[in-house]
Amino acid sequence: MTTTGPRRSPRRTEALSRERIVRASIELLDTAGEGGLTFRALSERLATGPGAIYHHVANKDELLGASIEAVVTAAVTVERPGAQGSPEAAVRAVALGLFDATEAHPWLAPQLAARLSRGHWGTVAPRIFESLGRQVQALGVPEGGWFTATSALMHYVLGAAGQNATNTEAARTLDPDTTRTEFLDAASTAWEGLDPDDYPFSRAVADQMRDHDDREQFLAGVDLMLAGITALHRPAGPGGDRR
């Protein structure tokens, strides 16, 4: 007769640390969303007890904050080809890092927006601001314009990246079987059917929406911001005009 003993939890092969807890938290957020991040689920994933986790993080809010911090830090320090060539290239690298992070982690954009709107900045907002601000400074923008120019860049990057992630998630939620091409085609067709007297411009660009690439459009917006910043702060010529 065969007897079966108590079922054992998976053996831990890596010492528990705050970094390991945060990594597991990000994995849970990616697969189950904010609602799926519980200390019970985290304990099961880490093969440990909740008490061991509480030794490193006080509560779920702190865990979410640490997860956001880890993803954003990786995003703004990502190494990309050509990122060191110029301030403009470095801005694009930071912007794309954040864009890709919101695509890879659907929970990031709403969590980041909610925290920033409540003033729970921690070091996340300053980290993004610092990454962009150093490049604004390197562009030769006068000190009096640093805050405004960097704020404008940061608002665009977070807003556009967040909206893109929201659109992607909404399309996935509405109909998981619908491809991006099908979704955009349906939206473009709807715009083409708008009243021509009330929406002449929307009808005119409907086909562009159908064929656009999200990342290229996002980068085009970054380039527009950079062009405006450099044009506005270009040194004046001999006659006082900006060349």
C-alpha atoms as a PDB file:
ATOM      1  CA  MET A   1       0.000   0.000   0.000  1.00  0.00           C
ATOM      2  CA  THR A   2       1.344   3.380  -1.013  1.00  0.00           C
ATOM      3  CA  THR A   3       0.951   6.318   1.306  1.00  0.00           C
ATOM      4  CA  THR A   4       1.147   9.899   0.260  1.00  0.00           C
ATOM      5  CA  GLY A   5       2.535  12.505   2.618  1.00  0.00           C
ATOM      6  CA  PRO A   6       1.534  16.137   2.854  1.00  0.00           C
ATOM      7  CA  ARG A   7       1.993  18.106  -0.344  1.00  0.00           C
ATOM      8  CA  ARG A   8       5.059  20.280  -0.138  1.00  0.00           C
ATOM      9  CA  SER A   9       5.382  23.768  -1.512  1.00  0.00           C
ATOM     10  CA  PRO A  10       7.889  24.253  -4.338  1.00  0.00           C
ATOM     11  CA  ARG A  11      11.377  24.519  -2.936  1.00  0.00           C
ATOM     12  CA  ARG A  12      12.864  27.978  -2.907  1.00  0.00           C
ATOM     13  CA  THR A  13      16.127  28.078  -4.814  1.00  0.00           C
ATOM     14  CA  GLU A  14      16.706  31.824  -4.516  1.00  0.00           C
ATOM     15  CA  ALA A  15      16.896  33.813  -1.309  1.00  0.00           C
ATOM     16  CA  LEU A  16      13.883  36.023  -0.736  1.00  0.00           C
ATOM     17  CA  SER A  17      14.660  39.698  -1.235  1.00  0.00           C
ATOM     18  CA  ARG A  18      12.768  42.875  -1.994  1.00  0.00           C
ATOM     19  CA  GLU A  19      14.044  42.734  -5.583  1.00  0.00           C
ATOM     20  CA  ARG A  20      12.772  39.184  -6.052  1.00  0.00           C
ATOM     21  CA  ILE A  21       9.398  40.107  -4.559  1.00  0.00           C
ATOM     22  CA  VAL A  22       9.096  43.063  -6.936  1.00  0.00           C
ATOM     23  CA  ARG A  23       9.978  40.897  -9.939  1.00  0.00           C
ATOM     24  CA  ALA A  24       7.275  38.411  -8.966  1.00  0.00           C
ATOM     25  CA  SER A  25       4.835  41.276  -8.404  1.00  0.00           C
ATOM     26  CA  ILE A  26       5.459  42.589 -11.935  1.00  0.00           C
ATOM     27  CA  GLU A  27       4.893  39.091 -13.351  1.00  0.00           C
ATOM     28  CA  LEU A  28       1.567  38.846 -11.516  1.00  0.00           C
ATOM     29  CA  LEU A  29       0.504  42.297 -12.672  1.00  0.00           C
ATOM     30  CA  ASP A  30       1.344  41.365 -16.260  1.00  0.00           C
ATOM     31  CA  THR A  31      -0.692  38.166 -16.174  1.00  0.00           C
ATOM     32  CA  ALA A  32      -3.554  39.006 -13.797  1.00  0.00           C
ATOM     33  CA  GLY A  33      -3.680  42.793 -13.545  1.00  0.00           C
ATOM     34  CA  GLU A  34      -3.901  44.921 -10.407  1.00  0.00           C
ATOM     35  CA  GLY A  35      -6.793  42.852  -9.050  1.00  0.00           C
ATOM     36  CA  GLY A  36      -4.728  39.684  -9.271  1.00  0.00           C
ATOM     37  CA  LEU A  37      -1.891  41.071  -7.209  1.00  0.00           C
ATOM     38  CA  THR A  38      -2.566  39.726  -3.726  1.00  0.00           C
ATOM     39  CA  PHE A  39      -0.189  38.660  -1.013  1.00  0.00           C
ATOM     40  CA  ARG A  40      -1.681  35.173  -1.190  1.00  0.00           C
ATOM     41  CA  ALA A  41      -0.971  34.870  -4.918  1.00  0.00           C
ATOM     42  CA  LEU A  42       2.470  36.364  -4.397  1.00  0.00           C
ATOM     43  CA  SER A  43       3.191  33.906  -1.584  1.00  0.00           C
ATOM     44  CA  GLU A  44       2.274  30.992  -3.828  1.00  0.00           C
ATOM     45  CA  ARG A  45       4.451  32.269  -6.650  1.00  0.00           C
ATOM     46  CA  LEU A  46       7.410  32.774  -4.321  1.00  0.00           C
ATOM     47  CA  ALA A  47       6.778  29.557  -2.352  1.00  0.00           C
ATOM     48  CA  THR A  48       6.872  31.402   0.943  1.00  0.00           C
ATOM     49  CA  GLY A  49       4.540  32.746   3.619  1.00  0.00           C
ATOM     50  CA  PRO A  50       2.955  36.216   3.646  1.00  0.00           C
ATOM     51  CA  GLY A  51       4.935  37.094   6.761  1.00  0.00           C
ATOM     52  CA  ALA A  52       8.207  36.792   4.883  1.00  0.00           C
ATOM     53  CA  ILE A  53       6.903  39.185   2.225  1.00  0.00           C
ATOM     54  CA  TYR A  54       5.642  41.688   4.817  1.00  0.00           C
ATOM     55  CA  HIS A  55       9.192  41.772   6.172  1.00  0.00           C
ATOM     56  CA  HIS A  56      10.212  43.512   2.916  1.00  0.00           C
ATOM     57  CA  VAL A  57       7.078  45.466   1.904  1.00  0.00           C
ATOM     58  CA  ALA A  58       4.447  46.906   4.235  1.00  0.00           C
ATOM     59  CA  ASN A  59       1.362  46.609   2.021  1.00  0.00           C
ATOM     60  CA  LYS A  60       0.014  46.336  -1.522  1.00  0.00           C
ATOM     61  CA  ASP A  61       0.309  50.064  -2.178  1.00  0.00           C
ATOM     62  CA  GLU A  62       4.029  49.968  -1.432  1.00  0.00           C
ATOM     63  CA  LEU A  63       4.347  46.884  -3.629  1.00  0.00           C
ATOM     64  CA  LEU A  64       2.622  48.624  -6.536  1.00  0.00           C
ATOM     65  CA  GLY A  65       4.840  51.658  -6.096  1.00  0.00           C
ATOM     66  CA  ALA A  66       7.974  49.522  -6.101  1.00  0.00           C
ATOM     67  CA  SER A  67       6.797  47.680  -9.225  1.00  0.00           C
ATOM     68  CA  ILE A  68       6.146  50.947 -11.062  1.00  0.00           C
ATOM     69  CA  GLU A  69       9.543  52.260  -9.970  1.00  0.00           C
ATOM     70  CA  ALA A  70      11.331  49.144 -11.229  1.00  0.00           C
ATOM     71  CA  VAL A  71       9.652  49.183 -14.655  1.00  0.00           C
ATOM     72  CA  VAL A  72      10.116  52.930 -15.173  1.00  0.00           C
ATOM     73  CA  THR A  73      13.765  52.808 -14.085  1.00  0.00           C
ATOM     74  CA  ALA A  74      14.468  50.054 -16.605  1.00  0.00           C
ATOM     75  CA  ALA A  75      12.566  51.960 -19.303  1.00  0.00           C
ATOM     76  CA  VAL A  76      14.405  55.275 -18.981  1.00  0.00           C
ATOM     77  CA  THR A  77      17.854  53.675 -18.698  1.00  0.00           C
ATOM     78  CA  VAL A  78      17.385  51.289 -21.633  1.00  0.00           C
ATOM     79  CA  GLU A  79      20.329  51.151 -24.018  1.00  0.00           C
ATOM     80  CA  ARG A  80      19.314  51.726 -27.629  1.00  0.00           C
ATOM     81  CA  PRO A  81      21.451  52.040 -30.766  1.00  0.00           C
ATOM     82  CA  GLY A  82      22.418  55.668 -31.335  1.00  0.00           C
ATOM     83  CA  ALA A  83      21.028  56.839 -28.001  1.00  0.00           C
ATOM     84  CA  GLN A  84      24.316  58.529 -27.115  1.00  0.00           C
ATOM     85  CA  GLY A  85      24.719  60.323 -30.449  1.00  0.00           C
ATOM     86  CA  SER A  86      22.872  63.530 -29.571  1.00  0.00           C
ATOM     87  CA  PRO A  87      20.429  64.958 -27.020  1.00  0.00           C
ATOM     88  CA  GLU A  88      17.622  64.390 -29.523  1.00  0.00           C
ATOM     89  CA  ALA A  89      18.564  60.712 -29.875  1.00  0.00           C
ATOM     90  CA  ALA A  90      18.676  60.342 -26.103  1.00  0.00           C
ATOM     91  CA  VAL A  91      15.201  61.878 -25.755  1.00  0.00           C
ATOM     92  CA  ARG A  92      13.864  59.467 -28.369  1.00  0.00           C
ATOM     93  CA  ALA A  93      15.460  56.545 -26.500  1.00  0.00           C
ATOM     94  CA  VAL A  94      13.833  57.529 -23.205  1.00  0.00           C
ATOM     95  CA  ALA A  95      10.499  58.147 -24.925  1.00  0.00           C
ATOM     96  CA  LEU A  96      10.565  54.784 -26.718  1.00  0.00           C
ATOM     97  CA  GLY A  97      11.603  53.045 -23.511  1.00  0.00           C
ATOM     98  CA  LEU A  98       8.485  54.367 -21.789  1.00  0.00           C
ATOM     99  CA  PHE A  99       6.302  53.658 -24.842  1.00  0.00           C
ATOM    100  CA  ASP A 100       7.473  50.051 -24.979  1.00  0.00           C
ATOM    101  CA  ALA A 101       7.072  49.647 -21.218  1.00  0.00           C
ATOM    102  CA  THR A 102       3.409  50.679 -21.363  1.00  0.00           C
ATOM    103  CA  GLU A 103       2.894  48.230 -24.236  1.00  0.00           C
ATOM    104  CA  ALA A 104       4.590  45.366 -22.394  1.00  0.00           C
ATOM    105  CA  HIS A 105       2.885  46.093 -19.056  1.00  0.00           C
ATOM    106  CA  PRO A 106      -0.804  47.032 -19.632  1.00  0.00           C
ATOM    107  CA  TRP A 107      -1.246  47.929 -15.950  1.00  0.00           C
ATOM    108  CA  LEU A 108       1.549  50.517 -15.959  1.00  0.00           C
ATOM    109  CA  ALA A 109      -0.158  53.477 -17.661  1.00  0.00           C
ATOM    110  CA  PRO A 110      -3.324  53.548 -15.492  1.00  0.00           C
ATOM    111  CA  GLN A 111      -1.366  52.904 -12.294  1.00  0.00           C
ATOM    112  CA  LEU A 112       1.174  55.600 -13.106  1.00  0.00           C
ATOM    113  CA  ALA A 113      -1.533  58.111 -14.040  1.00  0.00           C
ATOM    114  CA  ALA A 114      -3.510  57.377 -10.864  1.00  0.00           C
ATOM    115  CA  ARG A 115      -0.478  57.839  -8.646  1.00  0.00           C
ATOM    116  CA  LEU A 116       0.704  61.026 -10.298  1.00  0.00           C
ATOM    117  CA  SER A 117      -2.790  62.515 -10.129  1.00  0.00           C
ATOM    118  CA  ARG A 118      -2.858  61.854  -6.380  1.00  0.00           C
ATOM    119  CA  GLY A 119       0.565  63.384  -5.871  1.00  0.00           C
ATOM    120  CA  HIS A 120       2.184  60.010  -5.063  1.00  0.00           C
ATOM    121  CA  TRP A 121       5.268  60.875  -7.071  1.00  0.00           C
ATOM    122  CA  GLY A 122       7.964  59.130  -5.047  1.00  0.00           C
ATOM    123  CA  THR A 123      11.016  59.035  -7.275  1.00  0.00           C
ATOM    124  CA  VAL A 124       9.173  57.936 -10.431  1.00  0.00           C
ATOM    125  CA  ALA A 125       8.202  61.379 -11.756  1.00  0.00           C
ATOM    126  CA  PRO A 126      11.572  62.945 -10.836  1.00  0.00           C
ATOM    127  CA  ARG A 127      13.367  60.039 -12.542  1.00  0.00           C
ATOM    128  CA  ILE A 128      11.491  60.584 -15.816  1.00  0.00           C
ATOM    129  CA  PHE A 129      11.859  64.360 -15.503  1.00  0.00           C
ATOM    130  CA  GLU A 130      15.592  64.022 -14.866  1.00  0.00           C
ATOM    131  CA  SER A 131      16.093  61.726 -17.864  1.00  0.00           C
ATOM    132  CA  LEU A 132      14.409  64.212 -20.198  1.00  0.00           C
ATOM    133  CA  GLY A 133      15.604  67.379 -18.478  1.00  0.00           C
ATOM    134  CA  ARG A 134      19.294  66.605 -18.861  1.00  0.00           C
ATOM    135  CA  GLN A 135      18.777  66.355 -22.607  1.00  0.00           C
ATOM    136  CA  VAL A 136      16.795  69.599 -22.713  1.00  0.00           C
ATOM    137  CA  GLN A 137      19.740  71.218 -20.960  1.00  0.00           C
ATOM    138  CA  ALA A 138      22.138  69.645 -23.479  1.00  0.00           C
ATOM    139  CA  LEU A 139      20.064  71.092 -26.333  1.00  0.00           C
ATOM    140  CA  GLY A 140      21.147  74.544 -25.179  1.00  0.00           C
ATOM    141  CA  VAL A 141      17.798  75.658 -23.811  1.00  0.00           C
ATOM    142  CA  PRO A 142      18.325  78.624 -21.442  1.00  0.00           C
ATOM    143  CA  GLU A 143      17.852  77.796 -17.775  1.00  0.00           C
ATOM    144  CA  GLY A 144      14.640  79.833 -17.601  1.00  0.00           C
ATOM    145  CA  GLY A 145      13.053  77.455 -20.112  1.00  0.00           C
ATOM    146  CA  TRP A 146      14.195  74.135 -18.623  1.00  0.00           C
ATOM    147  CA  PHE A 147      11.102  73.447 -16.544  1.00  0.00           C
ATOM    148  CA  THR A 148       8.558  74.354 -19.232  1.00  0.00           C
ATOM    149  CA  ALA A 149      10.304  72.497 -22.055  1.00  0.00           C
ATOM    150  CA  THR A 150      10.902  69.362 -19.974  1.00  0.00           C
ATOM    151  CA  SER A 151       7.353  69.405 -18.608  1.00  0.00           C
ATOM    152  CA  ALA A 152       5.939  69.637 -22.132  1.00  0.00           C
ATOM    153  CA  LEU A 153       8.047  66.696 -23.266  1.00  0.00           C
ATOM    154  CA  MET A 154       7.127  64.620 -20.239  1.00  0.00           C
ATOM    155  CA  HIS A 155       3.410  65.356 -20.616  1.00  0.00           C
ATOM    156  CA  TYR A 156       3.481  64.359 -24.266  1.00  0.00           C
ATOM    157  CA  VAL A 157       5.472  61.158 -23.721  1.00  0.00           C
ATOM    158  CA  LEU A 158       3.385  59.898 -20.804  1.00  0.00           C
ATOM    159  CA  GLY A 159       0.104  61.045 -22.319  1.00  0.00           C
ATOM    160  CA  ALA A 160       0.667  59.595 -25.784  1.00  0.00           C
ATOM    161  CA  ALA A 161       2.212  56.359 -24.530  1.00  0.00           C
ATOM    162  CA  GLY A 162      -0.555  55.948 -21.975  1.00  0.00           C
ATOM    163  CA  GLN A 163      -3.308  56.628 -24.515  1.00  0.00           C
ATOM    164  CA  ASN A 164      -1.802  54.131 -26.932  1.00  0.00           C
ATOM    165  CA  ALA A 165      -1.709  51.475 -24.201  1.00  0.00           C
ATOM    166  CA  THR A 166      -5.321  52.293 -23.286  1.00  0.00           C
ATOM    167  CA  ASN A 167      -6.414  51.968 -26.912  1.00  0.00           C
ATOM    168  CA  THR A 168      -4.606  48.644 -27.280  1.00  0.00           C
ATOM    169  CA  GLU A 169      -6.178  47.249 -24.131  1.00  0.00           C
ATOM    170  CA  ALA A 170      -9.633  48.536 -25.068  1.00  0.00           C
ATOM    171  CA  ALA A 171      -9.442  46.876 -28.483  1.00  0.00           C
ATOM    172  CA  ARG A 172      -8.299  43.631 -26.874  1.00  0.00           C
ATOM    173  CA  THR A 173     -11.097  43.756 -24.311  1.00  0.00           C
ATOM    174  CA  LEU A 174     -13.876  44.597 -26.752  1.00  0.00           C
ATOM    175  CA  ASP A 175     -13.089  41.708 -29.060  1.00  0.00           C
ATOM    176  CA  PRO A 176     -10.047  39.528 -28.321  1.00  0.00           C
ATOM    177  CA  ASP A 177     -10.294  37.961 -31.796  1.00  0.00           C
ATOM    178  CA  THR A 178     -10.103  41.285 -33.640  1.00  0.00           C
ATOM    179  CA  THR A 179      -6.673  42.177 -34.995  1.00  0.00           C
ATOM    180  CA  ARG A 180      -5.232  45.679 -34.852  1.00  0.00           C
ATOM    181  CA  THR A 181      -5.654  45.992 -38.621  1.00  0.00           C
ATOM    182  CA  GLU A 182      -9.326  45.053 -38.404  1.00  0.00           C
ATOM    183  CA  PHE A 183      -9.892  47.423 -35.482  1.00  0.00           C
ATOM    184  CA  LEU A 184      -8.306  50.381 -37.301  1.00  0.00           C
ATOM    185  CA  ASP A 185     -10.132  49.551 -40.507  1.00  0.00           C
ATOM    186  CA  ALA A 186     -13.469  49.610 -38.684  1.00  0.00           C
ATOM    187  CA  ALA A 187     -12.612  52.924 -36.982  1.00  0.00           C
ATOM    188  CA  SER A 188     -11.460  54.471 -40.257  1.00  0.00           C
ATOM    189  CA  THR A 189     -14.603  53.325 -42.026  1.00  0.00           C
ATOM    190  CA  ALA A 190     -16.698  54.893 -39.270  1.00  0.00           C
ATOM    191  CA  TRP A 191     -14.853  58.209 -39.694  1.00  0.00           C
ATOM    192  CA  GLU A 192     -15.347  58.090 -43.455  1.00  0.00           C
ATOM    193  CA  GLY A 193     -19.084  57.804 -42.837  1.00  0.00           C
ATOM    194  CA  LEU A 194     -19.294  60.969 -40.728  1.00  0.00           C
ATOM    195  CA  ASP A 195     -21.277  63.959 -41.910  1.00  0.00           C
ATOM    196  CA  PRO A 196     -19.065  65.760 -44.486  1.00  0.00           C
ATOM    197  CA  ASP A 197     -20.285  69.199 -43.409  1.00  0.00           C
ATOM    198  CA  ASP A 198     -19.566  68.699 -39.715  1.00  0.00           C
ATOM    199  CA  TYR A 199     -16.418  66.548 -39.989  1.00  0.00           C
ATOM    200  CA  PRO A 200     -14.561  67.400 -43.213  1.00  0.00           C
ATOM    201  CA  PHE A 201     -11.108  67.130 -41.639  1.00  0.00           C
ATOM    202  CA  SER A 202     -11.788  63.837 -39.822  1.00  0.00           C
ATOM    203  CA  ARG A 203     -13.049  62.323 -43.060  1.00  0.00           C
ATOM    204  CA  ALA A 204      -9.977  63.571 -44.913  1.00  0.00           C
ATOM    205  CA  VAL A 205      -7.511  61.828 -42.553  1.00  0.00           C
ATOM    206  CA  ALA A 206      -9.551  58.672 -41.971  1.00  0.00           C
ATOM    207  CA  ASP A 207      -7.422  56.673 -44.389  1.00  0.00           C
ATOM    208  CA  GLN A 208      -4.231  57.812 -42.656  1.00  0.00           C
ATOM    209  CA  MET A 209      -5.546  56.394 -39.390  1.00  0.00           C
ATOM    210  CA  ARG A 210      -6.149  53.062 -41.122  1.00  0.00           C
ATOM    211  CA  ASP A 211      -2.516  52.724 -42.241  1.00  0.00           C
ATOM    212  CA  HIS A 212      -0.577  54.394 -39.434  1.00  0.00           C
ATOM    213  CA  ASP A 213       2.088  52.764 -37.259  1.00  0.00           C
ATOM    214  CA  ASP A 214       1.716  53.581 -33.546  1.00  0.00           C
ATOM    215  CA  ARG A 215       5.420  53.745 -32.748  1.00  0.00           C
ATOM    216  CA  GLU A 216       6.234  55.847 -35.812  1.00  0.00           C
ATOM    217  CA  GLN A 217       3.395  58.232 -34.986  1.00  0.00           C
ATOM    218  CA  PHE A 218       4.584  58.466 -31.397  1.00  0.00           C
ATOM    219  CA  LEU A 219       8.153  59.238 -32.459  1.00  0.00           C
ATOM    220  CA  ALA A 220       6.886  61.805 -34.974  1.00  0.00           C
ATOM    221  CA  GLY A 221       5.213  63.580 -32.059  1.00  0.00           C
ATOM    222  CA  VAL A 222       8.465  63.515 -30.082  1.00  0.00           C
ATOM    223  CA  ASP A 223      10.266  65.017 -33.083  1.00  0.00           C
ATOM    224  CA  LEU A 224       7.646  67.766 -33.347  1.00  0.00           C
ATOM    225  CA  MET A 225       8.191  68.598 -29.681  1.00  0.00           C
ATOM    226  CA  LEU A 226      11.968  68.658 -30.119  1.00  0.00           C
ATOM    227  CA  ALA A 227      11.693  70.804 -33.247  1.00  0.00           C
ATOM    228  CA  GLY A 228       9.524  73.293 -31.389  1.00  0.00           C
ATOM    229  CA  ILE A 229      11.865  73.423 -28.403  1.00  0.00           C
ATOM    230  CA  THR A 230      14.970  73.969 -30.520  1.00  0.00           C
ATOM    231  CA  ALA A 231      13.259  76.528 -32.789  1.00  0.00           C
ATOM    232  CA  LEU A 232      11.923  78.502 -29.837  1.00  0.00           C
ATOM    233  CA  HIS A 233      15.262  78.593 -28.073  1.00  0.00           C
ATOM    234  CA  ARG A 234      17.571  78.913 -31.094  1.00  0.00           C
ATOM    235  CA  PRO A 235      20.159  81.661 -30.516  1.00  0.00           C
ATOM    236  CA  ALA A 236      19.217  84.982 -32.155  1.00  0.00           C
ATOM    237  CA  GLY A 237      21.145  86.098 -35.221  1.00  0.00           C
ATOM    238  CA  PRO A 238      22.884  89.494 -35.687  1.00  0.00           C
ATOM    239  CA  GLY A 239      19.623  91.257 -36.468  1.00  0.00           C
ATOM    240  CA  GLY A 240      17.805  89.678 -33.548  1.00  0.00           C
ATOM    241  CA  ASP A 241      16.098  87.081 -35.718  1.00  0.00           C
ATOM    242  CA  ARG A 242      16.259  83.392 -34.876  1.00  0.00           C
ATOM    243  CA  ARG A 243      18.114  81.423 -37.519  1.00  0.00           C
END
